[in-house]
Amino acid sequence: ISGDLTVDTSTLKVDSSNNRVGIGTTSPTTTLDVEGTVSYKHTSLTANSDDLDVSGVTVVEATPSGTTRLGGLTGGVQGQILYILKVDSGLGRLIIEHNEGTGNQDIFLSSGSDVMLSTRGGMTLYCNGTSWFALDK
C-alpha cells in the first residue's frame, strides 16, 4: 500500500507524507498522536528482586508486606521509561537499591545511595539499554 491510509473515517490514520500515525484522529500532529486514553503494561513486585523482568513494562506496582528490595532489572531497552510505584500506605517498605551490582541492569539513583519508599509514592527511571537512571531527584 502506498499513500495515506484511513480506517473507519477516524479510527486510524496513517499520514505517509509526514510519517505520522493518528489513533482516534485523522489529523495527527506528531509521529504518534492518540486521541483518547492509552493503557500501559504493568507488573507487580511483592518480593525481593535483582532481576525483575520489565520487558515491555511501563509500571511496576509494589505492594510490600515487609521490607522488599529492588536491586536490578532485566529486559529494559534504550529509551524505555519505567514508573515504580508503592501503591499502599501500609507498613511495608520498598527499598530501591543504588548500583547494587548483582542485577543484569543496575539502577543508578541521583542520591548515590539506596532510596526507601515507606508511604505511597514512586520513582521514574530511564533505561539506556544497559542500566537504569532515576529521572526525579
C-alpha atoms as a PDB file:
ATOM      1  CA  ILE A   1       0.000   0.000   0.000  1.00  0.00           C
ATOM      2  CA  SER A   2       1.331   3.429  -0.833  1.00  0.00           C
ATOM      3  CA  GLY A   3      -0.050   6.800   0.189  1.00  0.00           C
ATOM      4  CA  ASP A   4      -2.235   7.617   3.173  1.00  0.00           C
ATOM      5  CA  LEU A   5      -4.483   5.068   4.851  1.00  0.00           C
ATOM      6  CA  THR A   6      -7.637   5.837   6.826  1.00  0.00           C
ATOM      7  CA  VAL A   7      -9.665   3.202   8.674  1.00  0.00           C
ATOM      8  CA  ASP A   8     -13.303   3.763   9.729  1.00  0.00           C
ATOM      9  CA  THR A   9     -13.156   7.502   8.914  1.00  0.00           C
ATOM     10  CA  SER A  10     -11.480   8.450  12.244  1.00  0.00           C
ATOM     11  CA  THR A  11     -10.241   5.248  13.955  1.00  0.00           C
ATOM     12  CA  LEU A  12      -6.786   5.066  12.401  1.00  0.00           C
ATOM     13  CA  LYS A  13      -4.936   7.423  10.067  1.00  0.00           C
ATOM     14  CA  VAL A  14      -1.525   6.764   8.520  1.00  0.00           C
ATOM     15  CA  ASP A  15      -0.180  10.016   7.076  1.00  0.00           C
ATOM     16  CA  SER A  16       2.638   8.689   4.894  1.00  0.00           C
ATOM     17  CA  SER A  17       3.741  12.083   3.583  1.00  0.00           C
ATOM     18  CA  ASN A  18       4.523  13.343   7.119  1.00  0.00           C
ATOM     19  CA  ASN A  19       5.403   9.960   8.705  1.00  0.00           C
ATOM     20  CA  ARG A  20       2.613  10.263  11.288  1.00  0.00           C
ATOM     21  CA  VAL A  21       0.023   7.894  12.715  1.00  0.00           C
ATOM     22  CA  GLY A  22      -3.211   9.044  14.308  1.00  0.00           C
ATOM     23  CA  ILE A  23      -5.376   6.861  16.514  1.00  0.00           C
ATOM     24  CA  GLY A  24      -8.792   8.393  17.056  1.00  0.00           C
ATOM     25  CA  THR A  25      -7.835  11.363  14.878  1.00  0.00           C
ATOM     26  CA  THR A  26      -7.476  11.924  11.143  1.00  0.00           C
ATOM     27  CA  SER A  27      -5.121  14.874  11.660  1.00  0.00           C
ATOM     28  CA  PRO A  28      -2.074  13.573  13.574  1.00  0.00           C
ATOM     29  CA  THR A  29       0.285  16.389  14.581  1.00  0.00           C
ATOM     30  CA  THR A  30       3.108  14.217  15.991  1.00  0.00           C
ATOM     31  CA  THR A  31       4.727  10.924  14.992  1.00  0.00           C
ATOM     32  CA  LEU A  32       2.101   9.109  17.088  1.00  0.00           C
ATOM     33  CA  ASP A  33      -0.994  11.117  18.004  1.00  0.00           C
ATOM     34  CA  VAL A  34      -3.601   9.410  20.196  1.00  0.00           C
ATOM     35  CA  GLU A  35      -6.986  10.986  20.875  1.00  0.00           C
ATOM     36  CA  GLY A  36      -8.255   9.106  23.940  1.00  0.00           C
ATOM     37  CA  THR A  37      -6.724   7.038  26.711  1.00  0.00           C
ATOM     38  CA  VAL A  38      -3.641   4.825  26.498  1.00  0.00           C
ATOM     39  CA  SER A  39      -3.099   1.675  28.557  1.00  0.00           C
ATOM     40  CA  TYR A  40       0.311   0.580  29.792  1.00  0.00           C
ATOM     41  CA  LYS A  41       1.565  -2.878  30.646  1.00  0.00           C
ATOM     42  CA  HIS A  42       2.338  -3.258  34.318  1.00  0.00           C
ATOM     43  CA  THR A  43       3.843  -5.892  36.555  1.00  0.00           C
ATOM     44  CA  SER A  44       3.778  -6.466  40.307  1.00  0.00           C
ATOM     45  CA  LEU A  45       6.627  -6.546  42.796  1.00  0.00           C
ATOM     46  CA  THR A  46       5.897  -8.384  46.047  1.00  0.00           C
ATOM     47  CA  ALA A  47       9.280  -9.956  46.874  1.00  0.00           C
ATOM     48  CA  ASN A  48      12.961  -9.019  46.681  1.00  0.00           C
ATOM     49  CA  SER A  49      14.348  -8.951  43.153  1.00  0.00           C
ATOM     50  CA  ASP A  50      17.687  -8.284  41.462  1.00  0.00           C
ATOM     51  CA  ASP A  51      16.335  -9.309  38.045  1.00  0.00           C
ATOM     52  CA  LEU A  52      12.737  -8.093  37.751  1.00  0.00           C
ATOM     53  CA  ASP A  53      11.754  -8.580  34.101  1.00  0.00           C
ATOM     54  CA  VAL A  54      10.397  -5.308  32.728  1.00  0.00           C
ATOM     55  CA  SER A  55      10.261  -6.303  29.049  1.00  0.00           C
ATOM     56  CA  GLY A  56       7.557  -4.069  27.570  1.00  0.00           C
ATOM     57  CA  VAL A  57       6.516  -2.863  31.043  1.00  0.00           C
ATOM     58  CA  THR A  58       5.756   0.766  31.888  1.00  0.00           C
ATOM     59  CA  VAL A  59       4.566   0.479  35.510  1.00  0.00           C
ATOM     60  CA  VAL A  60       5.851  -1.656  38.405  1.00  0.00           C
ATOM     61  CA  GLU A  61       3.309  -1.757  41.231  1.00  0.00           C
ATOM     62  CA  ALA A  62       4.956  -2.655  44.535  1.00  0.00           C
ATOM     63  CA  THR A  63       2.844  -3.929  47.412  1.00  0.00           C
ATOM     64  CA  PRO A  64       5.417  -4.975  50.006  1.00  0.00           C
ATOM     65  CA  SER A  65       4.181  -6.647  53.182  1.00  0.00           C
ATOM     66  CA  GLY A  66       7.543  -6.238  54.929  1.00  0.00           C
ATOM     67  CA  THR A  67      10.746  -4.807  53.510  1.00  0.00           C
ATOM     68  CA  THR A  68      11.100  -5.501  49.808  1.00  0.00           C
ATOM     69  CA  ARG A  69      14.290  -4.685  47.919  1.00  0.00           C
ATOM     70  CA  LEU A  70      14.590  -3.918  44.218  1.00  0.00           C
ATOM     71  CA  GLY A  71      18.258  -4.200  43.243  1.00  0.00           C
ATOM     72  CA  GLY A  72      18.156  -4.542  39.488  1.00  0.00           C
ATOM     73  CA  LEU A  73      16.064  -5.126  36.420  1.00  0.00           C
ATOM     74  CA  THR A  74      16.240  -7.116  33.217  1.00  0.00           C
ATOM     75  CA  GLY A  75      14.675  -6.741  29.779  1.00  0.00           C
ATOM     76  CA  GLY A  76      14.883  -2.950  29.600  1.00  0.00           C
ATOM     77  CA  VAL A  77      15.573  -1.326  26.240  1.00  0.00           C
ATOM     78  CA  GLN A  78      17.113   2.012  25.314  1.00  0.00           C
ATOM     79  CA  GLY A  79      14.596   4.826  25.705  1.00  0.00           C
ATOM     80  CA  GLN A  80      12.239   2.852  27.954  1.00  0.00           C
ATOM     81  CA  ILE A  81      10.644   4.814  30.791  1.00  0.00           C
ATOM     82  CA  LEU A  82       9.584   2.900  33.898  1.00  0.00           C
ATOM     83  CA  TYR A  83       7.428   4.120  36.773  1.00  0.00           C
ATOM     84  CA  ILE A  84       7.945   2.331  40.080  1.00  0.00           C
ATOM     85  CA  LEU A  85       5.045   2.852  42.475  1.00  0.00           C
ATOM     86  CA  LYS A  86       4.408   1.850  46.066  1.00  0.00           C
ATOM     87  CA  VAL A  87       0.636   1.752  45.899  1.00  0.00           C
ATOM     88  CA  ASP A  88      -0.370   1.272  49.527  1.00  0.00           C
ATOM     89  CA  SER A  89       0.347   3.164  52.716  1.00  0.00           C
ATOM     90  CA  GLY A  90       0.681   0.045  54.874  1.00  0.00           C
ATOM     91  CA  LEU A  91       3.671  -0.890  56.983  1.00  0.00           C
ATOM     92  CA  GLY A  92       5.609  -2.382  54.078  1.00  0.00           C
ATOM     93  CA  ARG A  93       8.712  -0.618  52.761  1.00  0.00           C
ATOM     94  CA  LEU A  94      10.179  -0.642  49.286  1.00  0.00           C
ATOM     95  CA  ILE A  95      13.926  -0.105  49.055  1.00  0.00           C
ATOM     96  CA  ILE A  96      15.312   0.717  45.622  1.00  0.00           C
ATOM     97  CA  GLU A  97      18.999  -0.134  45.701  1.00  0.00           C
ATOM     98  CA  HIS A  98      21.591   2.144  44.081  1.00  0.00           C
ATOM     99  CA  ASN A  99      24.190   0.339  41.904  1.00  0.00           C
ATOM    100  CA  GLU A 100      23.532  -2.932  43.715  1.00  0.00           C
ATOM    101  CA  GLY A 101      25.734  -4.890  41.330  1.00  0.00           C
ATOM    102  CA  THR A 102      24.111  -8.306  41.002  1.00  0.00           C
ATOM    103  CA  GLY A 103      21.276  -7.417  38.644  1.00  0.00           C
ATOM    104  CA  ASN A 104      21.508  -7.660  34.875  1.00  0.00           C
ATOM    105  CA  GLN A 105      20.628  -3.962  34.607  1.00  0.00           C
ATOM    106  CA  ASP A 106      21.629  -1.951  37.660  1.00  0.00           C
ATOM    107  CA  ILE A 107      19.716   1.083  38.919  1.00  0.00           C
ATOM    108  CA  PHE A 108      21.603   4.340  39.431  1.00  0.00           C
ATOM    109  CA  LEU A 109      19.906   6.832  41.743  1.00  0.00           C
ATOM    110  CA  SER A 110      20.690  10.546  41.780  1.00  0.00           C
ATOM    111  CA  SER A 111      21.156  10.428  45.571  1.00  0.00           C
ATOM    112  CA  GLY A 112      24.058   7.986  45.160  1.00  0.00           C
ATOM    113  CA  SER A 113      22.501   5.741  47.809  1.00  0.00           C
ATOM    114  CA  ASP A 114      19.502   3.474  48.306  1.00  0.00           C
ATOM    115  CA  VAL A 115      16.052   5.091  48.454  1.00  0.00           C
ATOM    116  CA  MET A 116      13.270   3.856  50.748  1.00  0.00           C
ATOM    117  CA  LEU A 117       9.589   4.371  49.974  1.00  0.00           C
ATOM    118  CA  SER A 118       7.526   3.806  53.106  1.00  0.00           C
ATOM    119  CA  THR A 119       4.344   5.621  52.049  1.00  0.00           C
ATOM    120  CA  ARG A 120       2.530   5.891  48.746  1.00  0.00           C
ATOM    121  CA  GLY A 121       4.764   7.302  46.063  1.00  0.00           C
ATOM    122  CA  GLY A 122       7.135   6.434  43.330  1.00  0.00           C
ATOM    123  CA  MET A 123      10.110   6.997  41.128  1.00  0.00           C
ATOM    124  CA  THR A 124      10.667   7.351  37.386  1.00  0.00           C
ATOM    125  CA  LEU A 125      13.560   5.523  35.708  1.00  0.00           C
ATOM    126  CA  TYR A 126      15.103   5.749  32.233  1.00  0.00           C
ATOM    127  CA  CYS A 127      16.967   2.877  30.539  1.00  0.00           C
ATOM    128  CA  ASN A 128      19.947   3.477  28.261  1.00  0.00           C
ATOM    129  CA  GLY A 129      19.907  -0.170  27.160  1.00  0.00           C
ATOM    130  CA  THR A 130      22.263  -1.484  29.833  1.00  0.00           C
ATOM    131  CA  SER A 131      21.395   0.406  33.053  1.00  0.00           C
ATOM    132  CA  TRP A 132      18.561   2.405  34.633  1.00  0.00           C
ATOM    133  CA  PHE A 133      18.789   6.014  35.847  1.00  0.00           C
ATOM    134  CA  ALA A 134      16.462   7.956  38.158  1.00  0.00           C
ATOM    135  CA  LEU A 135      14.846  10.920  36.410  1.00  0.00           C
ATOM    136  CA  ASP A 136      13.488  12.539  39.547  1.00  0.00           C
ATOM    137  CA  LYS A 137      15.649  13.877  42.298  1.00  0.00           C
END
